[in-house]
């Protein structure tokens, strides 16, 4: 199974997650995976959903892992046994106002943390992308940031704010990071953990008096929403965020507050 996933160039994180899913399945029945039937697998999913209250993401992950075993490892016909995936709950993400983001930045006195928050909000980058960003990914000539190996191992470019660049230069001169842009103070050449990044954002929100239940990803949601409210085309926002499908980006249409007075009718551009 590992070989099949490596051939497909799956990330190490995905491989670990799929292996863990199959391990839970075999432990549940105390049988090797090749002996587990489709009905048994459905019983396993039912138990995990009803008893263990697992997320839709876990269920989909389990189905994907089981599909690799059935179709690619055991060479069985998956189409005839295809298992339907559960519907995802369409929850609207928590979004900060422009004023709340400014309050968070102003309340953060630690230079590294302040720079990180400004960069995350101004680029719309994911937590893991900020974690792995290197100084060489900042392109000040073209005013853009190169996102290397984003979700799905896809590279892309996003915008670089002049204000963020100014702070980045000051931060770089003071901290002189060696490999990654944001490194632990006592452990150079390593990255901060995802939990640490989340805590930095949560503490900034707390200092700013923000009561919303936010995470690092909230900065990304806020970036996309504010861009949309500023009249930026949703296709451009899709590219900045690295979404494969416009459907993923369209969720921000339900959040953004568009001022009708800012919208121009196509009739006004006609020479009549």
Protein backbone atom coordinates (compact mmCIF):
# COMPACT_ATOMS: atom_id res chain seq x y z
CA UNK A 1 0.00 0.00 0.00
CA UNK A 2 2.80 2.41 0.88
CA UNK A 3 4.45 1.69 -2.48
CA UNK A 4 1.25 2.49 -4.36
CA UNK A 5 0.89 5.83 -2.57
CA UNK A 6 4.54 6.72 -3.11
CA UNK A 7 4.15 5.99 -6.85
CA UNK A 8 1.24 8.46 -6.85
CA UNK A 9 3.49 11.00 -5.12
CA UNK A 10 1.26 11.26 -2.05
CA UNK A 11 2.65 13.42 0.74
CA UNK A 12 4.16 11.77 3.81
CA UNK A 13 1.32 13.20 5.89
CA UNK A 14 -1.32 11.60 3.64
CA UNK A 15 0.51 8.27 3.66
CA UNK A 16 0.65 8.26 7.47
CA UNK A 17 -3.06 9.13 7.69
CA UNK A 18 -4.10 6.36 5.27
CA UNK A 19 -1.95 3.76 7.03
CA UNK A 20 -3.47 4.80 10.38
CA UNK A 21 -6.99 4.40 8.91
CA UNK A 22 -6.25 0.86 7.71
CA UNK A 23 -4.62 -0.02 11.05
CA UNK A 24 -7.79 1.03 12.90
CA UNK A 25 -9.84 -1.12 10.53
CA UNK A 26 -7.73 -4.27 11.00
CA UNK A 27 -7.62 -3.78 14.78
CA UNK A 28 -11.41 -3.38 14.89
CA UNK A 29 -11.99 -6.83 13.35
CA UNK A 30 -8.68 -8.41 14.36
CA UNK A 31 -8.29 -9.62 10.77
CA UNK A 32 -5.85 -8.90 7.94
CA UNK A 33 -7.22 -6.25 5.60
CA UNK A 34 -7.47 -8.59 2.60
CA UNK A 35 -10.03 -10.72 4.51
CA UNK A 36 -12.27 -7.81 5.48
CA UNK A 37 -15.44 -7.71 3.36
CA UNK A 38 -17.26 -4.65 2.05
CA UNK A 39 -20.10 -5.20 4.53
CA UNK A 40 -17.60 -5.41 7.37
CA UNK A 41 -16.03 -2.16 6.22
CA UNK A 42 -19.46 -0.51 6.20
CA UNK A 43 -20.07 -1.82 9.73
CA UNK A 44 -16.76 -0.28 10.76
CA UNK A 45 -17.72 3.09 9.26
CA UNK A 46 -21.15 2.93 10.90
CA UNK A 47 -19.57 2.27 14.29
CA UNK A 48 -17.08 5.11 13.88
CA UNK A 49 -19.83 7.56 12.85
CA UNK A 50 -22.50 6.60 15.40
CA UNK A 51 -20.39 5.58 18.40
CA UNK A 52 -17.10 7.43 17.98
CA UNK A 53 -18.64 10.53 16.36
CA UNK A 54 -15.81 10.87 13.85
CA UNK A 55 -15.79 13.67 11.28
CA UNK A 56 -16.82 13.46 7.64
CA UNK A 57 -13.14 13.99 6.77
CA UNK A 58 -12.17 10.84 8.70
CA UNK A 59 -14.86 8.80 6.92
CA UNK A 60 -13.72 10.02 3.49
CA UNK A 61 -10.11 9.32 4.41
CA UNK A 62 -11.02 5.76 5.45
CA UNK A 63 -12.89 5.15 2.19
CA UNK A 64 -9.97 6.48 0.13
CA UNK A 65 -7.50 4.27 2.00
CA UNK A 66 -9.73 1.19 1.62
CA UNK A 67 -10.14 1.94 -2.09
CA UNK A 68 -6.35 1.82 -2.60
CA UNK A 69 -6.22 -1.55 -0.86
CA UNK A 70 -9.12 -3.00 -2.88
CA UNK A 71 -8.37 -1.52 -6.29
CA UNK A 72 -4.60 -1.14 -6.47
CA UNK A 73 -3.19 -3.67 -4.02
CA UNK A 74 -5.72 -6.53 -4.25
CA UNK A 75 -6.67 -5.74 -7.89
CA UNK A 76 -10.40 -5.94 -7.19
CA UNK A 77 -13.13 -4.13 -9.14
CA UNK A 78 -13.87 -1.00 -7.13
CA UNK A 79 -16.66 0.27 -9.42
CA UNK A 80 -18.95 -2.62 -8.50
CA UNK A 81 -18.47 -2.06 -4.77
CA UNK A 82 -18.05 1.71 -4.75
CA UNK A 83 -19.00 3.12 -1.36
CA UNK A 84 -20.89 6.39 -1.34
CA UNK A 85 -19.22 9.17 0.57
CA UNK A 86 -21.13 11.12 3.24
CA UNK A 87 -22.36 14.63 2.58
CA UNK A 88 -20.23 17.37 4.05
CA UNK A 89 -21.83 19.93 6.32
CA UNK A 90 -21.50 23.28 4.61
CA UNK A 91 -20.52 25.50 7.52
CA UNK A 92 -19.58 29.07 6.85
CA UNK A 93 -16.09 29.92 8.12
CA UNK A 94 -15.45 32.44 10.88
CA UNK A 95 -14.21 35.72 9.40
CA UNK A 96 -12.65 38.75 11.08
CA UNK A 97 -13.43 42.32 10.11
CA UNK A 98 -10.65 44.53 8.74
CA UNK A 99 -10.66 46.39 12.05
CA UNK A 100 -10.29 43.16 14.04
CA UNK A 101 -7.30 42.07 11.96
CA UNK A 102 -5.70 45.48 12.50
CA UNK A 103 -6.33 45.20 16.26
CA UNK A 104 -4.66 41.77 16.33
CA UNK A 105 -1.59 43.09 14.51
CA UNK A 106 -1.34 46.18 16.71
CA UNK A 107 -1.74 44.08 19.87
CA UNK A 108 1.17 41.80 18.86
CA UNK A 109 4.48 43.29 20.00
CA UNK A 110 6.64 40.21 19.34
CA UNK A 111 8.28 40.99 15.98
CA UNK A 112 8.30 37.41 14.69
CA UNK A 113 4.66 36.86 15.60
CA UNK A 114 3.59 40.23 14.21
CA UNK A 115 5.38 39.56 10.90
CA UNK A 116 3.86 36.10 10.66
CA UNK A 117 0.31 37.35 11.23
CA UNK A 118 0.74 40.18 8.71
CA UNK A 119 2.17 37.83 6.08
CA UNK A 120 -0.52 35.18 6.60
CA UNK A 121 -3.36 37.69 6.34
CA UNK A 122 -1.91 39.64 3.42
CA UNK A 123 -1.19 36.54 1.29
CA UNK A 124 -3.98 34.12 2.24
CA UNK A 125 -1.44 31.34 2.80
CA UNK A 126 -2.30 28.20 4.75
CA UNK A 127 -0.77 27.45 8.14
CA UNK A 128 1.53 24.75 6.78
CA UNK A 129 2.61 27.02 3.93
CA UNK A 130 3.61 29.78 6.36
CA UNK A 131 5.40 27.17 8.46
CA UNK A 132 7.53 26.05 5.50
CA UNK A 133 8.14 29.40 3.81
CA UNK A 134 11.79 30.32 3.18
CA UNK A 135 13.37 33.76 2.66
CA UNK A 136 14.02 32.89 -1.00
CA UNK A 137 10.28 32.54 -1.61
CA UNK A 138 9.79 36.30 -1.16
CA UNK A 139 10.03 38.00 -4.56
CA UNK A 140 10.30 41.72 -3.83
CA UNK A 141 10.98 42.56 -7.49
CA UNK A 142 7.63 41.24 -8.69
CA UNK A 143 5.91 41.83 -5.33
CA UNK A 144 4.75 38.26 -4.94
CA UNK A 145 5.31 35.24 -2.72
CA UNK A 146 6.06 31.83 -4.15
CA UNK A 147 4.14 29.10 -2.33
CA UNK A 148 6.14 25.89 -2.74
CA UNK A 149 4.43 22.51 -2.39
CA UNK A 150 1.09 23.88 -1.27
CA UNK A 151 -1.86 21.58 -0.70
CA UNK A 152 -1.75 18.77 -3.27
CA UNK A 153 1.97 19.48 -3.83
CA UNK A 154 1.11 22.37 -6.16
CA UNK A 155 3.23 25.52 -6.42
CA UNK A 156 1.60 28.92 -6.92
CA UNK A 157 2.17 32.64 -6.48
CA UNK A 158 0.23 35.02 -4.27
CA UNK A 159 0.48 38.75 -3.68
CA UNK A 160 3.07 40.50 -1.51
CA UNK A 161 1.90 43.59 0.35
CA UNK A 162 4.34 46.55 0.49
CA UNK A 163 3.54 46.92 4.21
CA UNK A 164 4.28 43.23 4.79
CA UNK A 165 7.52 43.52 2.80
CA UNK A 166 8.68 46.47 4.90
CA UNK A 167 8.17 44.51 8.11
CA UNK A 168 9.70 41.36 6.57
CA UNK A 169 12.91 43.24 5.78
CA UNK A 170 13.14 44.62 9.32
CA UNK A 171 12.45 41.16 10.77
CA UNK A 172 15.02 39.49 8.50
CA UNK A 173 17.78 41.95 9.44
CA UNK A 174 17.12 41.41 13.13
CA UNK A 175 16.55 37.63 13.25
CA UNK A 176 18.60 36.43 10.25
CA UNK A 177 16.74 33.10 9.78
CA UNK A 178 18.95 30.42 8.24
CA UNK A 179 16.59 28.02 6.45
CA UNK A 180 12.96 28.78 7.18
CA UNK A 181 11.63 32.30 7.53
CA UNK A 182 10.04 31.59 10.91
CA UNK A 183 12.27 29.33 13.02
CA UNK A 184 12.23 28.55 16.75
CA UNK A 185 14.65 30.86 18.57
CA UNK A 186 16.78 28.03 20.00
CA UNK A 187 16.47 25.55 17.11
CA UNK A 188 17.62 26.99 13.83
CA UNK A 189 16.94 25.12 10.57
CA UNK A 190 13.66 23.75 11.94
CA UNK A 191 10.05 24.89 11.67
CA UNK A 192 7.57 26.02 14.28
CA UNK A 193 4.82 23.50 14.98
CA UNK A 194 1.29 23.96 13.69
CA UNK A 195 0.05 24.13 17.28
CA UNK A 196 2.48 26.97 18.02
CA UNK A 197 1.21 28.92 14.99
CA UNK A 198 -2.40 28.44 16.10
CA UNK A 199 -1.57 29.61 19.62
CA UNK A 200 0.16 32.74 18.29
CA UNK A 201 -3.01 33.74 16.44
CA UNK A 202 -5.32 32.85 19.33
CA UNK A 203 -3.22 34.87 21.79
CA UNK A 204 -3.18 37.84 19.41
CA UNK A 205 -6.98 37.71 19.19
CA UNK A 206 -7.27 37.47 22.97
CA UNK A 207 -5.03 40.52 23.46
CA UNK A 208 -7.14 42.41 20.93
CA UNK A 209 -10.31 41.55 22.86
CA UNK A 210 -11.76 39.42 20.06
CA UNK A 211 -14.24 36.84 21.35
CA UNK A 212 -14.64 34.83 18.14
CA UNK A 213 -13.44 31.22 18.10
CA UNK A 214 -10.64 31.57 15.58
CA UNK A 215 -7.68 29.57 14.31
CA UNK A 216 -4.72 30.32 12.06
CA UNK A 217 -6.93 29.51 9.05
CA UNK A 218 -9.24 32.39 10.02
CA UNK A 219 -6.64 34.80 8.61
CA UNK A 220 -6.92 33.03 5.24
CA UNK A 221 -10.72 33.18 5.32
CA UNK A 222 -10.55 36.88 6.19
CA UNK A 223 -8.09 37.58 3.35
CA UNK A 224 -10.40 35.96 0.78
CA UNK A 225 -13.53 37.68 2.10
CA UNK A 226 -11.95 41.13 2.24
CA UNK A 227 -10.52 40.72 -1.27
CA UNK A 228 -13.98 39.83 -2.56
CA UNK A 229 -15.49 42.82 -0.76
CA UNK A 230 -12.86 45.02 -2.42
CA UNK A 231 -14.10 43.95 -5.84
CA UNK A 232 -11.35 41.45 -6.74
CA UNK A 233 -12.51 38.83 -9.26
CA UNK A 234 -13.24 35.50 -7.60
CA UNK A 235 -11.08 33.68 -10.19
CA UNK A 236 -8.06 35.71 -9.10
CA UNK A 237 -8.82 34.95 -5.45
CA UNK A 238 -9.04 31.25 -6.39
CA UNK A 239 -5.53 31.43 -7.85
CA UNK A 240 -4.12 33.22 -4.79
CA UNK A 241 -5.66 30.63 -2.46
CA UNK A 242 -4.58 27.66 -4.59
CA UNK A 243 -8.07 26.17 -4.87
CA UNK A 244 -8.46 23.53 -7.60
CA UNK A 245 -12.19 24.21 -7.93
CA UNK A 246 -13.98 27.57 -8.01
CA UNK A 247 -16.69 25.86 -5.94
CA UNK A 248 -14.36 25.90 -2.93
CA UNK A 249 -13.72 29.62 -3.32
CA UNK A 250 -17.41 30.44 -3.86
CA UNK A 251 -18.17 29.86 -0.17
CA UNK A 252 -16.87 33.39 0.44
CA UNK A 253 -19.72 34.76 -1.68
CA UNK A 254 -22.02 33.80 1.20
CA UNK A 255 -19.95 35.82 3.69
CA UNK A 256 -18.76 38.89 1.80
CA UNK A 257 -20.79 42.06 2.25
CA UNK A 258 -20.97 43.68 -1.17
CA UNK A 259 -22.04 47.34 -1.22
CA UNK A 260 -24.61 47.70 -4.07
CA UNK A 261 -23.57 51.34 -4.54
CA UNK A 262 -20.11 50.14 -5.60
CA UNK A 263 -21.51 47.93 -8.38
CA UNK A 264 -21.65 49.43 -11.87
CA UNK A 265 -24.37 48.39 -14.31
CA UNK A 266 -23.14 47.21 -17.75
CA UNK A 267 -25.67 49.63 -19.27
CA UNK A 268 -23.56 52.55 -18.03
CA UNK A 269 -20.69 51.48 -20.29
CA UNK A 270 -22.82 51.60 -23.44
CA UNK A 271 -22.57 54.47 -25.89
CA UNK A 272 -26.32 55.09 -26.27
